[in-house]
Amino acid sequence: MTKDRPRHNHTYYKRIAREKARCTRDPALAVCWICGEPIDMALPHDHKRAFTLDHVVPIARGGRVLDETRYAHRDCNSARGGGRTATTATTAIEW
């Protein structure tokens, strides 16, 4: 039995190419949502600081391949994995 590989389809790769072209045309859009630093669009796809699409709802948590995505560095996206970004918890009482 072969494993289902939803990211390996033509539509997904076209989406990546379209978004990468959009950021190349307008570098102001190419900002990593995780770390806030600009993404160098000239880097090769396998470079740790290269452009990737990060899924708002991670695939590992039930998100779909073609659902909403945001721009991220490859290493920021990998570090986030299937989890959520760190946030500061707020409390009603100051301890």
N, C-alpha and C. Protein backbone atom coordinates (compact mmCIF):
# COMPACT_ATOMS: atom_id res chain seq x y z
N MET A 1 0.85 -1.17 0.00
CA MET A 1 0.00 0.00 0.00
C MET A 1 0.90 1.24 0.00
N THR A 2 0.59 2.21 -0.84
CA THR A 2 1.39 3.42 -0.89
C THR A 2 0.80 4.46 0.04
N LYS A 3 1.68 5.26 0.60
CA LYS A 3 1.25 6.32 1.51
C LYS A 3 0.70 7.49 0.71
N ASP A 4 -0.39 8.05 1.16
CA ASP A 4 -0.97 9.22 0.51
C ASP A 4 -0.05 10.41 0.73
N ARG A 5 0.35 11.06 -0.35
CA ARG A 5 1.26 12.20 -0.26
C ARG A 5 0.57 13.42 -0.87
N PRO A 6 -0.30 14.08 -0.12
CA PRO A 6 -1.12 15.16 -0.68
C PRO A 6 -0.33 16.36 -1.17
N ARG A 7 0.87 16.58 -0.65
CA ARG A 7 1.64 17.74 -1.09
C ARG A 7 2.28 17.51 -2.45
N HIS A 8 2.30 16.28 -2.89
CA HIS A 8 2.95 15.95 -4.16
C HIS A 8 1.90 15.91 -5.27
N ASN A 9 1.35 17.07 -5.56
CA ASN A 9 0.41 17.14 -6.66
C ASN A 9 0.62 18.44 -7.42
N HIS A 10 0.18 18.44 -8.65
CA HIS A 10 0.41 19.56 -9.56
C HIS A 10 -0.16 20.88 -9.04
N THR A 11 -1.34 20.84 -8.48
CA THR A 11 -2.00 22.05 -8.00
C THR A 11 -1.20 22.70 -6.88
N TYR A 12 -0.68 21.90 -5.97
CA TYR A 12 0.11 22.44 -4.86
C TYR A 12 1.39 23.10 -5.36
N TYR A 13 2.09 22.44 -6.29
CA TYR A 13 3.33 23.01 -6.81
C TYR A 13 3.06 24.29 -7.61
N LYS A 14 1.94 24.34 -8.34
CA LYS A 14 1.57 25.56 -9.06
C LYS A 14 1.32 26.69 -8.07
N ARG A 15 0.71 26.39 -6.96
CA ARG A 15 0.43 27.41 -5.95
C ARG A 15 1.74 27.96 -5.37
N ILE A 16 2.68 27.08 -5.07
CA ILE A 16 3.98 27.53 -4.56
C ILE A 16 4.65 28.44 -5.58
N ALA A 17 4.67 28.02 -6.84
CA ALA A 17 5.31 28.82 -7.89
C ALA A 17 4.63 30.18 -8.04
N ARG A 18 3.30 30.20 -7.98
CA ARG A 18 2.54 31.45 -8.11
C ARG A 18 2.86 32.41 -6.96
N GLU A 19 2.87 31.90 -5.73
CA GLU A 19 3.15 32.75 -4.58
C GLU A 19 4.60 33.22 -4.56
N LYS A 20 5.52 32.35 -4.98
CA LYS A 20 6.93 32.74 -5.04
C LYS A 20 7.13 33.84 -6.09
N ALA A 21 6.48 33.71 -7.24
CA ALA A 21 6.57 34.74 -8.28
C ALA A 21 5.98 36.06 -7.78
N ARG A 22 4.90 35.98 -7.05
CA ARG A 22 4.27 37.19 -6.49
C ARG A 22 5.23 37.91 -5.54
N CYS A 23 5.92 37.16 -4.69
CA CYS A 23 6.86 37.76 -3.75
C CYS A 23 8.12 38.27 -4.44
N THR A 24 8.50 37.64 -5.54
CA THR A 24 9.65 38.10 -6.30
C THR A 24 9.33 39.44 -6.96
N ARG A 25 8.12 39.59 -7.46
CA ARG A 25 7.69 40.86 -8.07
C ARG A 25 7.56 41.97 -7.04
N ASP A 26 7.10 41.64 -5.86
CA ASP A 26 6.89 42.63 -4.80
C ASP A 26 7.58 42.16 -3.52
N PRO A 27 8.88 42.48 -3.37
CA PRO A 27 9.65 42.00 -2.22
C PRO A 27 9.08 42.42 -0.86
N ALA A 28 8.27 43.46 -0.81
CA ALA A 28 7.68 43.88 0.46
C ALA A 28 6.75 42.80 1.02
N LEU A 29 6.24 41.93 0.17
CA LEU A 29 5.37 40.84 0.62
C LEU A 29 6.16 39.68 1.23
N ALA A 30 7.43 39.57 0.85
CA ALA A 30 8.26 38.43 1.25
C ALA A 30 8.82 38.61 2.65
N VAL A 31 7.95 38.47 3.63
CA VAL A 31 8.34 38.59 5.04
C VAL A 31 7.85 37.34 5.76
N CYS A 32 8.74 36.73 6.52
CA CYS A 32 8.39 35.52 7.27
C CYS A 32 7.41 35.90 8.38
N TRP A 33 6.27 35.26 8.40
CA TRP A 33 5.27 35.58 9.43
C TRP A 33 5.70 35.09 10.81
N ILE A 34 6.63 34.15 10.88
CA ILE A 34 7.05 33.59 12.16
C ILE A 34 8.09 34.47 12.84
N CYS A 35 9.16 34.85 12.09
CA CYS A 35 10.24 35.63 12.71
C CYS A 35 10.19 37.11 12.34
N GLY A 36 9.43 37.47 11.31
CA GLY A 36 9.29 38.86 10.91
C GLY A 36 10.41 39.39 10.03
N GLU A 37 11.37 38.54 9.67
CA GLU A 37 12.49 38.97 8.82
C GLU A 37 12.15 38.76 7.35
N PRO A 38 12.79 39.57 6.46
CA PRO A 38 12.54 39.40 5.03
C PRO A 38 13.05 38.06 4.52
N ILE A 39 12.42 37.57 3.48
CA ILE A 39 12.82 36.31 2.84
C ILE A 39 13.55 36.65 1.55
N ASP A 40 14.77 36.14 1.39
CA ASP A 40 15.55 36.35 0.18
C ASP A 40 15.04 35.40 -0.90
N MET A 41 14.37 35.96 -1.89
CA MET A 41 13.75 35.14 -2.92
C MET A 41 14.76 34.54 -3.90
N ALA A 42 16.01 34.98 -3.85
CA ALA A 42 17.04 34.45 -4.76
C ALA A 42 17.67 33.16 -4.24
N LEU A 43 17.39 32.79 -3.00
CA LEU A 43 17.99 31.59 -2.43
C LEU A 43 17.40 30.33 -3.08
N PRO A 44 18.22 29.28 -3.21
CA PRO A 44 17.69 28.02 -3.75
C PRO A 44 16.67 27.41 -2.79
N HIS A 45 15.75 26.63 -3.31
CA HIS A 45 14.64 26.11 -2.51
C HIS A 45 15.07 25.25 -1.33
N ASP A 46 16.27 24.67 -1.39
CA ASP A 46 16.71 23.81 -0.29
C ASP A 46 17.56 24.54 0.76
N HIS A 47 17.75 25.85 0.60
CA HIS A 47 18.49 26.65 1.58
C HIS A 47 17.63 26.81 2.83
N LYS A 48 18.25 26.85 4.00
CA LYS A 48 17.47 26.91 5.25
C LYS A 48 16.66 28.20 5.39
N ARG A 49 17.08 29.29 4.73
CA ARG A 49 16.33 30.55 4.82
C ARG A 49 15.49 30.81 3.57
N ALA A 50 15.26 29.78 2.77
CA ALA A 50 14.48 29.91 1.53
C ALA A 50 12.99 30.10 1.81
N PHE A 51 12.28 30.54 0.81
CA PHE A 51 10.83 30.75 0.83
C PHE A 51 10.09 29.42 0.93
N THR A 52 9.11 29.36 1.81
CA THR A 52 8.17 28.23 1.86
C THR A 52 6.78 28.76 2.18
N LEU A 53 5.80 27.94 1.93
CA LEU A 53 4.44 28.25 2.35
C LEU A 53 4.17 27.47 3.63
N ASP A 54 3.73 28.17 4.66
CA ASP A 54 3.40 27.54 5.93
C ASP A 54 1.88 27.48 6.05
N HIS A 55 1.36 26.34 6.36
CA HIS A 55 -0.09 26.17 6.49
C HIS A 55 -0.58 26.75 7.81
N VAL A 56 -1.64 27.55 7.77
CA VAL A 56 -2.22 28.14 8.97
C VAL A 56 -2.64 27.03 9.93
N VAL A 57 -3.36 26.05 9.43
CA VAL A 57 -3.68 24.86 10.21
C VAL A 57 -2.73 23.78 9.70
N PRO A 58 -1.75 23.38 10.53
CA PRO A 58 -0.77 22.40 10.06
C PRO A 58 -1.42 21.12 9.53
N ILE A 59 -0.80 20.57 8.51
CA ILE A 59 -1.29 19.32 7.92
C ILE A 59 -1.40 18.24 9.00
N ALA A 60 -0.43 18.22 9.92
CA ALA A 60 -0.41 17.23 10.99
C ALA A 60 -1.60 17.37 11.94
N ARG A 61 -2.23 18.54 11.94
CA ARG A 61 -3.38 18.76 12.83
C ARG A 61 -4.70 18.81 12.07
N GLY A 62 -4.69 18.25 10.86
CA GLY A 62 -5.93 18.14 10.10
C GLY A 62 -6.12 19.18 9.01
N GLY A 63 -5.14 20.07 8.82
CA GLY A 63 -5.25 21.05 7.75
C GLY A 63 -5.14 20.38 6.39
N ARG A 64 -5.63 21.04 5.39
CA ARG A 64 -5.57 20.50 4.03
C ARG A 64 -4.48 21.22 3.25
N VAL A 65 -3.93 20.54 2.27
CA VAL A 65 -2.82 21.08 1.49
C VAL A 65 -3.16 22.41 0.84
N LEU A 66 -4.35 22.56 0.33
CA LEU A 66 -4.70 23.78 -0.39
C LEU A 66 -5.43 24.80 0.47
N ASP A 67 -5.42 24.61 1.78
CA ASP A 67 -6.01 25.60 2.69
C ASP A 67 -5.09 26.81 2.81
N GLU A 68 -5.49 27.76 3.63
CA GLU A 68 -4.77 29.02 3.81
C GLU A 68 -3.32 28.80 4.23
N THR A 69 -2.43 29.58 3.60
CA THR A 69 -1.00 29.51 3.90
C THR A 69 -0.44 30.91 4.13
N ARG A 70 0.75 30.95 4.74
CA ARG A 70 1.48 32.20 4.94
C ARG A 70 2.92 31.97 4.53
N TYR A 71 3.63 33.06 4.25
CA TYR A 71 5.03 32.96 3.82
C TYR A 71 5.93 32.77 5.03
N ALA A 72 6.94 31.90 4.88
CA ALA A 72 7.87 31.64 5.98
C ALA A 72 9.22 31.20 5.43
N HIS A 73 10.25 31.36 6.27
CA HIS A 73 11.56 30.76 5.95
C HIS A 73 11.43 29.26 6.14
N ARG A 74 12.21 28.50 5.41
CA ARG A 74 12.18 27.04 5.54
C ARG A 74 12.50 26.60 6.96
N ASP A 75 13.54 27.21 7.58
CA ASP A 75 13.91 26.77 8.93
C ASP A 75 12.89 27.20 9.98
N CYS A 76 12.27 28.36 9.80
CA CYS A 76 11.22 28.79 10.74
C CYS A 76 10.02 27.85 10.64
N ASN A 77 9.65 27.50 9.42
CA ASN A 77 8.53 26.60 9.18
C ASN A 77 8.83 25.21 9.77
N SER A 78 10.04 24.74 9.58
CA SER A 78 10.42 23.42 10.10
C SER A 78 10.43 23.41 11.62
N ALA A 79 10.93 24.50 12.22
CA ALA A 79 10.98 24.58 13.68
C ALA A 79 9.57 24.60 14.27
N ARG A 80 8.65 25.23 13.58
CA ARG A 80 7.26 25.28 14.03
C ARG A 80 6.63 23.90 13.91
N GLY A 81 6.97 23.19 12.86
CA GLY A 81 6.44 21.84 12.66
C GLY A 81 4.93 21.82 12.66
N GLY A 82 4.36 20.84 13.32
CA GLY A 82 2.91 20.71 13.38
C GLY A 82 2.32 21.43 14.57
N GLY A 83 3.15 22.19 15.28
CA GLY A 83 2.67 22.88 16.48
C GLY A 83 2.23 24.29 16.19
N ARG A 84 2.11 25.02 17.24
CA ARG A 84 1.73 26.43 17.13
C ARG A 84 2.91 27.27 17.57
N THR A 85 2.88 28.55 17.21
CA THR A 85 3.96 29.43 17.64
C THR A 85 3.80 29.74 19.11
N ALA A 86 4.91 30.08 19.73
CA ALA A 86 4.89 30.41 21.15
C ALA A 86 4.17 31.74 21.36
N THR A 87 3.33 31.80 22.35
CA THR A 87 2.65 33.04 22.69
C THR A 87 2.79 33.26 24.19
N THR A 88 2.71 34.49 24.59
CA THR A 88 2.77 34.81 26.00
C THR A 88 1.37 34.66 26.59
N ALA A 89 1.27 33.85 27.60
CA ALA A 89 -0.03 33.64 28.22
C ALA A 89 -0.41 34.86 29.05
N THR A 90 -1.67 35.22 29.02
CA THR A 90 -2.15 36.32 29.84
C THR A 90 -3.03 35.76 30.94
N THR A 91 -2.95 36.37 32.10
CA THR A 91 -3.76 35.93 33.23
C THR A 91 -4.56 37.11 33.76
N ALA A 92 -5.63 36.82 34.45
CA ALA A 92 -6.45 37.87 35.04
C ALA A 92 -5.79 38.43 36.30
N ILE A 93 -4.94 37.64 36.92
CA ILE A 93 -4.27 38.06 38.15
C ILE A 93 -2.78 38.18 37.89
N GLU A 94 -2.19 39.27 38.36
CA GLU A 94 -0.74 39.41 38.24
C GLU A 94 -0.10 38.72 39.44
N TRP A 95 0.73 37.73 39.20
CA TRP A 95 1.33 36.94 40.26
C TRP A 95 2.53 37.60 40.81
